[in-house]
């Protein structure tokens, strides 16, 4: 019976730690693009975008469903840890890898194509946790320059 109590206690501590990690990571949640507040200085803006970010071990799992300018839906997905190491990305021709490092109120990193850096990005969440700003700069797979400041509202 003592072993069972120890196992239950350890499991409760582990689950509590995971819950605290998820709550302390400001990017976790469902976010909807606010086109009126977003700015695109290079490249075409999408018609809409919803990003779901979930805790995943020592990092996050991100799934972004975006209707791009031509009306095509693109679903980008990846799971990345906050160790700065490259993780695989699916769903976009522009990059197939991503790195992430945690900041005080978000994430910053690089997007890579076949191991070569093609874009930099940062995700910053407002102090009240209601707004996420994503700044991206670099090139698409076809070499087109992209630069944007996307503003997302938490759902």
N, C-alpha and C. Protein backbone atom coordinates (compact mmCIF):
# COMPACT_ATOMS: atom_id res chain seq x y z
N UNK A 1 0.81 -1.19 0.00
CA UNK A 1 0.00 0.00 0.00
C UNK A 1 0.85 1.25 0.00
N UNK A 2 2.03 1.23 0.66
CA UNK A 2 2.92 2.38 0.71
C UNK A 2 3.41 2.72 -0.69
N UNK A 3 3.76 1.71 -1.50
CA UNK A 3 4.22 1.94 -2.85
C UNK A 3 3.13 2.65 -3.66
N UNK A 4 1.90 2.23 -3.51
CA UNK A 4 0.80 2.84 -4.25
C UNK A 4 0.64 4.31 -3.89
N UNK A 5 0.78 4.65 -2.61
CA UNK A 5 0.67 6.04 -2.20
C UNK A 5 1.82 6.86 -2.77
N UNK A 6 3.02 6.30 -2.82
CA UNK A 6 4.17 7.00 -3.39
C UNK A 6 3.96 7.24 -4.88
N UNK A 7 3.48 6.24 -5.58
CA UNK A 7 3.22 6.36 -7.01
C UNK A 7 2.16 7.43 -7.26
N UNK A 8 1.10 7.41 -6.49
CA UNK A 8 0.05 8.43 -6.64
C UNK A 8 0.57 9.82 -6.34
N UNK A 9 1.38 9.95 -5.31
CA UNK A 9 1.95 11.25 -4.97
C UNK A 9 2.87 11.74 -6.09
N UNK A 10 3.72 10.87 -6.60
CA UNK A 10 4.62 11.25 -7.70
C UNK A 10 3.82 11.66 -8.93
N UNK A 11 2.77 10.92 -9.24
CA UNK A 11 1.93 11.25 -10.40
C UNK A 11 1.25 12.61 -10.21
N UNK A 12 0.78 12.90 -9.01
CA UNK A 12 0.13 14.18 -8.74
C UNK A 12 1.12 15.33 -8.88
N UNK A 13 2.34 15.14 -8.40
CA UNK A 13 3.36 16.19 -8.52
C UNK A 13 3.70 16.41 -10.00
N UNK A 14 3.86 15.33 -10.77
CA UNK A 14 4.17 15.44 -12.19
C UNK A 14 3.06 16.17 -12.94
N UNK A 15 1.83 15.78 -12.71
CA UNK A 15 0.70 16.43 -13.38
C UNK A 15 0.60 17.90 -12.99
N UNK A 16 0.85 18.20 -11.74
CA UNK A 16 0.83 19.59 -11.29
C UNK A 16 1.92 20.41 -11.97
N UNK A 17 3.10 19.82 -12.15
CA UNK A 17 4.20 20.50 -12.82
C UNK A 17 3.85 20.77 -14.28
N UNK A 18 3.26 19.81 -14.95
CA UNK A 18 2.85 19.99 -16.34
C UNK A 18 1.81 21.11 -16.42
N UNK A 19 0.86 21.12 -15.52
CA UNK A 19 -0.16 22.17 -15.51
C UNK A 19 0.43 23.54 -15.29
N UNK A 20 1.40 23.65 -14.40
CA UNK A 20 2.05 24.94 -14.14
C UNK A 20 2.83 25.38 -15.37
N UNK A 21 3.54 24.44 -16.02
CA UNK A 21 4.30 24.77 -17.23
C UNK A 21 3.37 25.31 -18.31
N UNK A 22 2.24 24.62 -18.54
CA UNK A 22 1.29 25.04 -19.57
C UNK A 22 0.73 26.42 -19.26
N UNK A 23 0.41 26.66 -17.99
CA UNK A 23 -0.15 27.95 -17.62
C UNK A 23 0.89 29.06 -17.70
N UNK A 24 2.16 28.74 -17.45
CA UNK A 24 3.19 29.76 -17.44
C UNK A 24 3.70 30.07 -18.83
N UNK A 25 3.34 29.30 -19.83
CA UNK A 25 3.77 29.54 -21.20
C UNK A 25 2.73 30.41 -21.88
N UNK A 26 3.03 31.69 -22.08
CA UNK A 26 2.03 32.62 -22.57
C UNK A 26 1.52 32.35 -23.98
N UNK A 27 2.27 31.61 -24.80
CA UNK A 27 1.82 31.38 -26.18
C UNK A 27 0.77 30.28 -26.29
N UNK A 28 0.60 29.48 -25.25
CA UNK A 28 -0.36 28.38 -25.30
C UNK A 28 -1.78 28.92 -25.38
N UNK A 29 -2.56 28.39 -26.32
CA UNK A 29 -3.96 28.79 -26.48
C UNK A 29 -4.36 28.75 -27.94
N UNK A 30 -5.57 29.23 -28.21
CA UNK A 30 -6.08 29.34 -29.57
C UNK A 30 -6.10 30.83 -29.92
N UNK A 31 -5.53 31.17 -31.07
CA UNK A 31 -5.33 32.55 -31.48
C UNK A 31 -5.92 32.77 -32.88
N UNK A 32 -6.63 33.88 -33.06
CA UNK A 32 -7.21 34.22 -34.35
C UNK A 32 -6.57 35.50 -34.87
N UNK A 33 -6.16 35.49 -36.15
CA UNK A 33 -5.50 36.64 -36.76
C UNK A 33 -6.45 37.83 -36.83
N UNK A 34 -5.97 38.98 -36.39
CA UNK A 34 -6.69 40.24 -36.49
C UNK A 34 -6.05 41.01 -37.65
N UNK A 35 -6.65 40.89 -38.84
CA UNK A 35 -6.08 41.51 -40.05
C UNK A 35 -6.02 43.03 -39.95
N UNK A 36 -6.98 43.64 -39.28
CA UNK A 36 -7.00 45.10 -39.16
C UNK A 36 -5.80 45.64 -38.39
N UNK A 37 -5.27 44.86 -37.45
CA UNK A 37 -4.12 45.29 -36.65
C UNK A 37 -2.79 44.78 -37.20
N UNK A 38 -2.84 43.91 -38.19
CA UNK A 38 -1.62 43.31 -38.75
C UNK A 38 -1.06 44.16 -39.87
N UNK A 39 0.26 44.00 -40.12
CA UNK A 39 0.94 44.80 -41.14
C UNK A 39 1.83 43.90 -41.98
N UNK A 40 1.71 44.05 -43.29
CA UNK A 40 2.51 43.27 -44.23
C UNK A 40 3.27 44.25 -45.12
N UNK A 41 4.58 44.35 -44.94
CA UNK A 41 5.37 45.27 -45.76
C UNK A 41 5.95 44.56 -46.97
N UNK A 42 5.94 43.25 -46.98
CA UNK A 42 6.36 42.46 -48.14
C UNK A 42 5.56 41.15 -48.10
N UNK A 43 5.09 40.73 -49.25
CA UNK A 43 4.27 39.53 -49.31
C UNK A 43 2.80 39.88 -49.13
N UNK A 44 1.94 38.97 -49.58
CA UNK A 44 0.49 39.20 -49.49
C UNK A 44 -0.07 38.70 -48.18
N UNK A 45 -0.99 39.46 -47.58
CA UNK A 45 -1.61 38.99 -46.34
C UNK A 45 -2.57 37.83 -46.61
N UNK A 46 -2.74 36.96 -45.63
CA UNK A 46 -3.73 35.89 -45.79
C UNK A 46 -5.13 36.45 -45.63
N UNK A 47 -6.11 35.63 -45.96
CA UNK A 47 -7.50 36.03 -45.75
C UNK A 47 -7.91 35.79 -44.29
N UNK A 48 -7.35 34.74 -43.68
CA UNK A 48 -7.63 34.43 -42.27
C UNK A 48 -6.60 33.44 -41.77
N UNK A 49 -6.50 33.34 -40.44
CA UNK A 49 -5.59 32.37 -39.84
C UNK A 49 -6.00 32.10 -38.40
N UNK A 50 -5.99 30.83 -38.03
CA UNK A 50 -6.22 30.42 -36.65
C UNK A 50 -5.05 29.54 -36.24
N UNK A 51 -4.46 29.85 -35.10
CA UNK A 51 -3.30 29.12 -34.60
C UNK A 51 -3.65 28.49 -33.26
N UNK A 52 -3.43 27.19 -33.15
CA UNK A 52 -3.63 26.48 -31.89
C UNK A 52 -2.26 26.04 -31.39
N UNK A 53 -1.91 26.48 -30.17
CA UNK A 53 -0.62 26.13 -29.58
C UNK A 53 -0.89 25.38 -28.28
N UNK A 54 -0.32 24.17 -28.20
CA UNK A 54 -0.52 23.31 -27.04
C UNK A 54 0.84 23.01 -26.40
N UNK A 55 0.86 22.78 -25.08
CA UNK A 55 2.12 22.37 -24.46
C UNK A 55 2.51 20.98 -24.96
N UNK A 56 3.81 20.76 -25.14
CA UNK A 56 4.32 19.46 -25.59
C UNK A 56 5.69 19.25 -24.95
N UNK A 57 5.71 18.59 -23.82
CA UNK A 57 6.98 18.35 -23.13
C UNK A 57 7.64 19.67 -22.77
N UNK A 58 8.87 19.86 -23.21
CA UNK A 58 9.62 21.09 -22.94
C UNK A 58 9.50 22.07 -24.10
N UNK A 59 8.33 22.10 -24.75
CA UNK A 59 8.11 22.98 -25.88
C UNK A 59 6.63 23.08 -26.19
N UNK A 60 6.34 23.21 -27.48
CA UNK A 60 4.95 23.37 -27.91
C UNK A 60 4.65 22.55 -29.16
N UNK A 61 3.37 22.31 -29.36
CA UNK A 61 2.86 21.78 -30.62
C UNK A 61 2.00 22.88 -31.21
N UNK A 62 2.31 23.29 -32.44
CA UNK A 62 1.57 24.36 -33.11
C UNK A 62 0.89 23.81 -34.34
N UNK A 63 -0.38 24.18 -34.52
CA UNK A 63 -1.13 23.89 -35.74
C UNK A 63 -1.77 25.19 -36.20
N UNK A 64 -1.40 25.64 -37.38
CA UNK A 64 -1.94 26.88 -37.94
C UNK A 64 -2.74 26.54 -39.19
N UNK A 65 -4.00 26.97 -39.21
CA UNK A 65 -4.86 26.80 -40.38
C UNK A 65 -5.08 28.18 -40.97
N UNK A 66 -4.55 28.37 -42.18
CA UNK A 66 -4.54 29.69 -42.81
C UNK A 66 -5.15 29.62 -44.19
N UNK A 67 -6.03 30.56 -44.50
CA UNK A 67 -6.52 30.73 -45.86
C UNK A 67 -5.63 31.81 -46.47
N UNK A 68 -4.75 31.39 -47.41
CA UNK A 68 -3.81 32.32 -48.00
C UNK A 68 -4.50 33.20 -49.04
N UNK A 69 -3.78 34.18 -49.56
CA UNK A 69 -4.36 35.21 -50.43
C UNK A 69 -5.13 34.65 -51.62
N UNK A 70 -4.68 33.52 -52.19
CA UNK A 70 -5.37 32.95 -53.36
C UNK A 70 -6.58 32.11 -52.99
N UNK A 71 -6.91 32.02 -51.69
CA UNK A 71 -8.08 31.27 -51.25
C UNK A 71 -7.78 29.83 -50.85
N UNK A 72 -6.55 29.38 -51.05
CA UNK A 72 -6.14 28.03 -50.68
C UNK A 72 -5.94 27.93 -49.17
N UNK A 73 -6.38 26.82 -48.59
CA UNK A 73 -6.15 26.61 -47.16
C UNK A 73 -4.84 25.86 -46.97
N UNK A 74 -4.05 26.37 -46.05
CA UNK A 74 -2.76 25.75 -45.72
C UNK A 74 -2.77 25.41 -44.23
N UNK A 75 -2.37 24.18 -43.90
CA UNK A 75 -2.31 23.75 -42.50
C UNK A 75 -0.86 23.41 -42.16
N UNK A 76 -0.24 24.28 -41.38
CA UNK A 76 1.16 24.11 -40.96
C UNK A 76 1.16 23.51 -39.57
N UNK A 77 2.06 22.53 -39.35
CA UNK A 77 2.10 21.87 -38.06
C UNK A 77 3.54 21.52 -37.70
N UNK A 78 3.83 21.66 -36.40
CA UNK A 78 5.12 21.22 -35.89
C UNK A 78 5.08 21.10 -34.37
N UNK A 79 6.01 20.32 -33.86
CA UNK A 79 6.26 20.22 -32.43
C UNK A 79 7.72 20.55 -32.23
N UNK A 80 7.99 21.55 -31.39
CA UNK A 80 9.36 22.03 -31.20
C UNK A 80 9.64 22.21 -29.72
N UNK A 81 10.87 21.92 -29.33
CA UNK A 81 11.29 22.16 -27.95
C UNK A 81 12.02 23.50 -27.90
N UNK A 82 12.16 24.03 -26.68
CA UNK A 82 12.78 25.35 -26.50
C UNK A 82 14.29 25.26 -26.35
N UNK A 83 14.91 24.33 -27.07
CA UNK A 83 16.35 24.14 -26.95
C UNK A 83 17.14 24.72 -28.12
N UNK A 84 16.45 25.37 -29.06
CA UNK A 84 17.12 25.96 -30.20
C UNK A 84 17.49 24.97 -31.30
N UNK A 85 17.10 23.71 -31.14
CA UNK A 85 17.40 22.69 -32.15
C UNK A 85 16.29 22.64 -33.20
N UNK A 86 16.67 22.34 -34.42
CA UNK A 86 15.74 22.31 -35.54
C UNK A 86 14.74 21.16 -35.40
N UNK A 87 13.46 21.46 -35.63
CA UNK A 87 12.38 20.46 -35.60
C UNK A 87 11.67 20.48 -36.95
N UNK A 88 11.15 19.34 -37.41
CA UNK A 88 10.48 19.29 -38.71
C UNK A 88 9.14 20.03 -38.72
N UNK A 89 8.82 20.60 -39.89
CA UNK A 89 7.57 21.33 -40.12
C UNK A 89 6.89 20.71 -41.33
N UNK A 90 5.55 20.58 -41.27
CA UNK A 90 4.79 20.11 -42.42
C UNK A 90 3.77 21.17 -42.81
N UNK A 91 3.39 21.17 -44.09
CA UNK A 91 2.27 21.98 -44.54
C UNK A 91 2.60 23.28 -45.25
N UNK A 92 3.87 23.61 -45.41
CA UNK A 92 4.23 24.84 -46.13
C UNK A 92 5.43 24.58 -47.04
N UNK A 93 5.43 25.13 -48.25
CA UNK A 93 6.59 24.98 -49.12
C UNK A 93 7.74 25.93 -48.74
N UNK A 94 7.46 26.90 -47.88
CA UNK A 94 8.44 27.94 -47.58
C UNK A 94 9.53 27.53 -46.61
N UNK A 95 9.24 26.60 -45.72
CA UNK A 95 10.24 26.10 -44.77
C UNK A 95 9.85 24.72 -44.30
N UNK A 96 10.84 23.91 -43.92
CA UNK A 96 10.56 22.55 -43.46
C UNK A 96 11.21 22.25 -42.10
N UNK A 97 11.72 23.31 -41.46
CA UNK A 97 12.29 23.17 -40.14
C UNK A 97 12.10 24.45 -39.34
N UNK A 98 12.17 24.33 -38.02
CA UNK A 98 11.98 25.51 -37.16
C UNK A 98 12.76 25.32 -35.87
N UNK A 99 13.27 26.42 -35.33
CA UNK A 99 13.91 26.42 -34.01
C UNK A 99 13.13 27.35 -33.10
N UNK A 100 13.25 27.15 -31.81
CA UNK A 100 12.54 28.00 -30.85
C UNK A 100 13.34 28.13 -29.56
N UNK A 101 13.36 29.34 -29.05
CA UNK A 101 13.91 29.61 -27.72
C UNK A 101 12.89 30.45 -26.98
N UNK A 102 12.64 30.07 -25.75
CA UNK A 102 11.65 30.77 -24.93
C UNK A 102 12.21 32.12 -24.49
N UNK A 103 11.37 33.13 -24.53
CA UNK A 103 11.70 34.45 -24.01
C UNK A 103 10.77 34.71 -22.82
N UNK A 104 10.92 35.85 -22.18
CA UNK A 104 10.10 36.16 -21.00
C UNK A 104 8.61 36.13 -21.31
N UNK A 105 8.24 36.58 -22.51
CA UNK A 105 6.81 36.65 -22.85
C UNK A 105 6.52 36.07 -24.23
N UNK A 106 7.27 35.04 -24.63
CA UNK A 106 7.00 34.43 -25.92
C UNK A 106 8.10 33.50 -26.39
N UNK A 107 8.37 33.57 -27.69
CA UNK A 107 9.33 32.68 -28.36
C UNK A 107 10.04 33.48 -29.45
N UNK A 108 11.27 33.10 -29.75
CA UNK A 108 11.93 33.60 -30.95
C UNK A 108 12.70 32.45 -31.58
N UNK A 109 12.92 32.55 -32.88
CA UNK A 109 13.62 31.47 -33.55
C UNK A 109 13.81 31.71 -35.02
N UNK A 110 14.16 30.62 -35.70
CA UNK A 110 14.40 30.66 -37.14
C UNK A 110 13.58 29.58 -37.83
N UNK A 111 13.20 29.87 -39.07
CA UNK A 111 12.57 28.89 -39.95
C UNK A 111 13.62 28.51 -40.98
N UNK A 112 13.74 27.21 -41.24
CA UNK A 112 14.78 26.73 -42.14
C UNK A 112 14.19 25.95 -43.30
N UNK A 113 14.91 25.95 -44.39
CA UNK A 113 14.56 25.15 -45.57
C UNK A 113 15.77 24.30 -45.90
N UNK A 114 15.62 22.98 -45.76
CA UNK A 114 16.72 22.05 -46.01
C UNK A 114 17.98 22.44 -45.23
N UNK A 115 17.80 22.84 -43.97
CA UNK A 115 18.91 23.16 -43.09
C UNK A 115 19.43 24.58 -43.18
N UNK A 116 18.94 25.37 -44.14
CA UNK A 116 19.41 26.75 -44.32
C UNK A 116 18.36 27.72 -43.78
N UNK A 117 18.80 28.70 -42.98
CA UNK A 117 17.87 29.69 -42.42
C UNK A 117 17.27 30.53 -43.55
N UNK A 118 15.92 30.62 -43.56
CA UNK A 118 15.24 31.41 -44.58
C UNK A 118 14.38 32.53 -43.98
N UNK A 119 14.01 32.39 -42.71
CA UNK A 119 13.20 33.41 -42.04
C UNK A 119 13.54 33.44 -40.56
N UNK A 120 13.38 34.62 -39.97
CA UNK A 120 13.43 34.74 -38.51
C UNK A 120 12.03 35.11 -38.05
N UNK A 121 11.73 34.80 -36.79
CA UNK A 121 10.41 35.13 -36.27
C UNK A 121 10.48 35.32 -34.76
N UNK A 122 9.49 36.03 -34.24
CA UNK A 122 9.30 36.12 -32.79
C UNK A 122 7.81 36.15 -32.51
N UNK A 123 7.42 35.53 -31.40
CA UNK A 123 6.04 35.55 -30.91
C UNK A 123 6.09 36.22 -29.55
N UNK A 124 5.36 37.31 -29.38
CA UNK A 124 5.34 38.04 -28.12
C UNK A 124 3.90 38.17 -27.66
N UNK A 125 3.64 37.79 -26.41
CA UNK A 125 2.29 37.87 -25.86
C UNK A 125 2.22 39.08 -24.93
N UNK A 126 1.13 39.84 -25.06
CA UNK A 126 0.93 41.04 -24.24
C UNK A 126 0.84 40.68 -22.76
N UNK A 127 1.05 41.68 -21.91
CA UNK A 127 1.03 41.47 -20.45
C UNK A 127 -0.31 40.91 -19.97
N UNK A 128 -1.40 41.30 -20.62
CA UNK A 128 -2.72 40.79 -20.20
C UNK A 128 -3.04 39.42 -20.81
N UNK A 129 -2.15 38.91 -21.69
CA UNK A 129 -2.33 37.58 -22.27
C UNK A 129 -3.38 37.49 -23.36
N UNK A 130 -3.90 38.62 -23.81
CA UNK A 130 -4.99 38.61 -24.79
C UNK A 130 -4.54 38.79 -26.24
N UNK A 131 -3.30 39.25 -26.44
CA UNK A 131 -2.81 39.54 -27.78
C UNK A 131 -1.45 38.91 -27.99
N UNK A 132 -1.26 38.29 -29.16
CA UNK A 132 0.03 37.74 -29.53
C UNK A 132 0.48 38.41 -30.82
N UNK A 133 1.69 38.94 -30.83
CA UNK A 133 2.24 39.58 -32.02
C UNK A 133 3.35 38.69 -32.57
N UNK A 134 3.25 38.36 -33.85
CA UNK A 134 4.24 37.52 -34.51
C UNK A 134 4.92 38.35 -35.60
N UNK A 135 6.23 38.56 -35.42
CA UNK A 135 7.02 39.30 -36.41
C UNK A 135 7.86 38.29 -37.18
N UNK A 136 7.77 38.37 -38.52
CA UNK A 136 8.51 37.45 -39.39
C UNK A 136 9.22 38.24 -40.47
N UNK A 137 10.39 37.74 -40.87
CA UNK A 137 11.15 38.39 -41.92
C UNK A 137 12.00 37.34 -42.62
N UNK A 138 12.07 37.44 -43.95
CA UNK A 138 12.90 36.50 -44.70
C UNK A 138 12.42 36.31 -46.11
N UNK A 139 12.54 35.08 -46.61
CA UNK A 139 12.17 34.76 -47.99
C UNK A 139 11.31 33.49 -48.04
N UNK A 140 10.45 33.44 -49.07
CA UNK A 140 9.64 32.26 -49.32
C UNK A 140 10.48 31.25 -50.12
N UNK A 141 9.92 30.09 -50.39
CA UNK A 141 10.62 29.07 -51.18
C UNK A 141 10.96 29.57 -52.57
N UNK A 142 10.13 30.47 -53.13
CA UNK A 142 10.39 31.00 -54.47
C UNK A 142 11.33 32.20 -54.45
N UNK A 143 11.79 32.60 -53.25
CA UNK A 143 12.72 33.72 -53.14
C UNK A 143 12.07 35.07 -52.90
N UNK A 144 10.74 35.11 -52.83
CA UNK A 144 10.02 36.35 -52.60
C UNK A 144 10.26 36.83 -51.17
N UNK A 145 10.53 38.11 -51.01
CA UNK A 145 10.76 38.69 -49.68
C UNK A 145 9.43 38.75 -48.93
N UNK A 146 9.45 38.34 -47.65
CA UNK A 146 8.28 38.45 -46.78
C UNK A 146 8.69 39.19 -45.51
N UNK A 147 7.82 40.06 -45.08
CA UNK A 147 8.02 40.76 -43.81
C UNK A 147 6.66 41.13 -43.28
N UNK A 148 6.39 40.73 -42.06
CA UNK A 148 5.06 40.99 -41.51
C UNK A 148 5.09 41.13 -40.01
N UNK A 149 4.07 41.82 -39.52
CA UNK A 149 3.76 41.88 -38.10
C UNK A 149 2.31 41.45 -38.00
N UNK A 150 2.10 40.22 -37.55
CA UNK A 150 0.75 39.68 -37.44
C UNK A 150 0.30 39.79 -35.99
N UNK A 151 -0.92 40.27 -35.82
CA UNK A 151 -1.50 40.42 -34.48
C UNK A 151 -2.64 39.42 -34.34
N UNK A 152 -2.58 38.62 -33.29
CA UNK A 152 -3.58 37.59 -33.03
C UNK A 152 -4.30 37.90 -31.73
N UNK A 153 -5.61 37.62 -31.71
CA UNK A 153 -6.41 37.77 -30.51
C UNK A 153 -6.66 36.38 -29.91
N UNK A 154 -6.50 36.27 -28.60
CA UNK A 154 -6.74 34.99 -27.93
C UNK A 154 -8.23 34.68 -27.93
N UNK A 155 -8.55 33.44 -28.21
CA UNK A 155 -9.96 33.01 -28.28
C UNK A 155 -10.38 32.37 -26.99
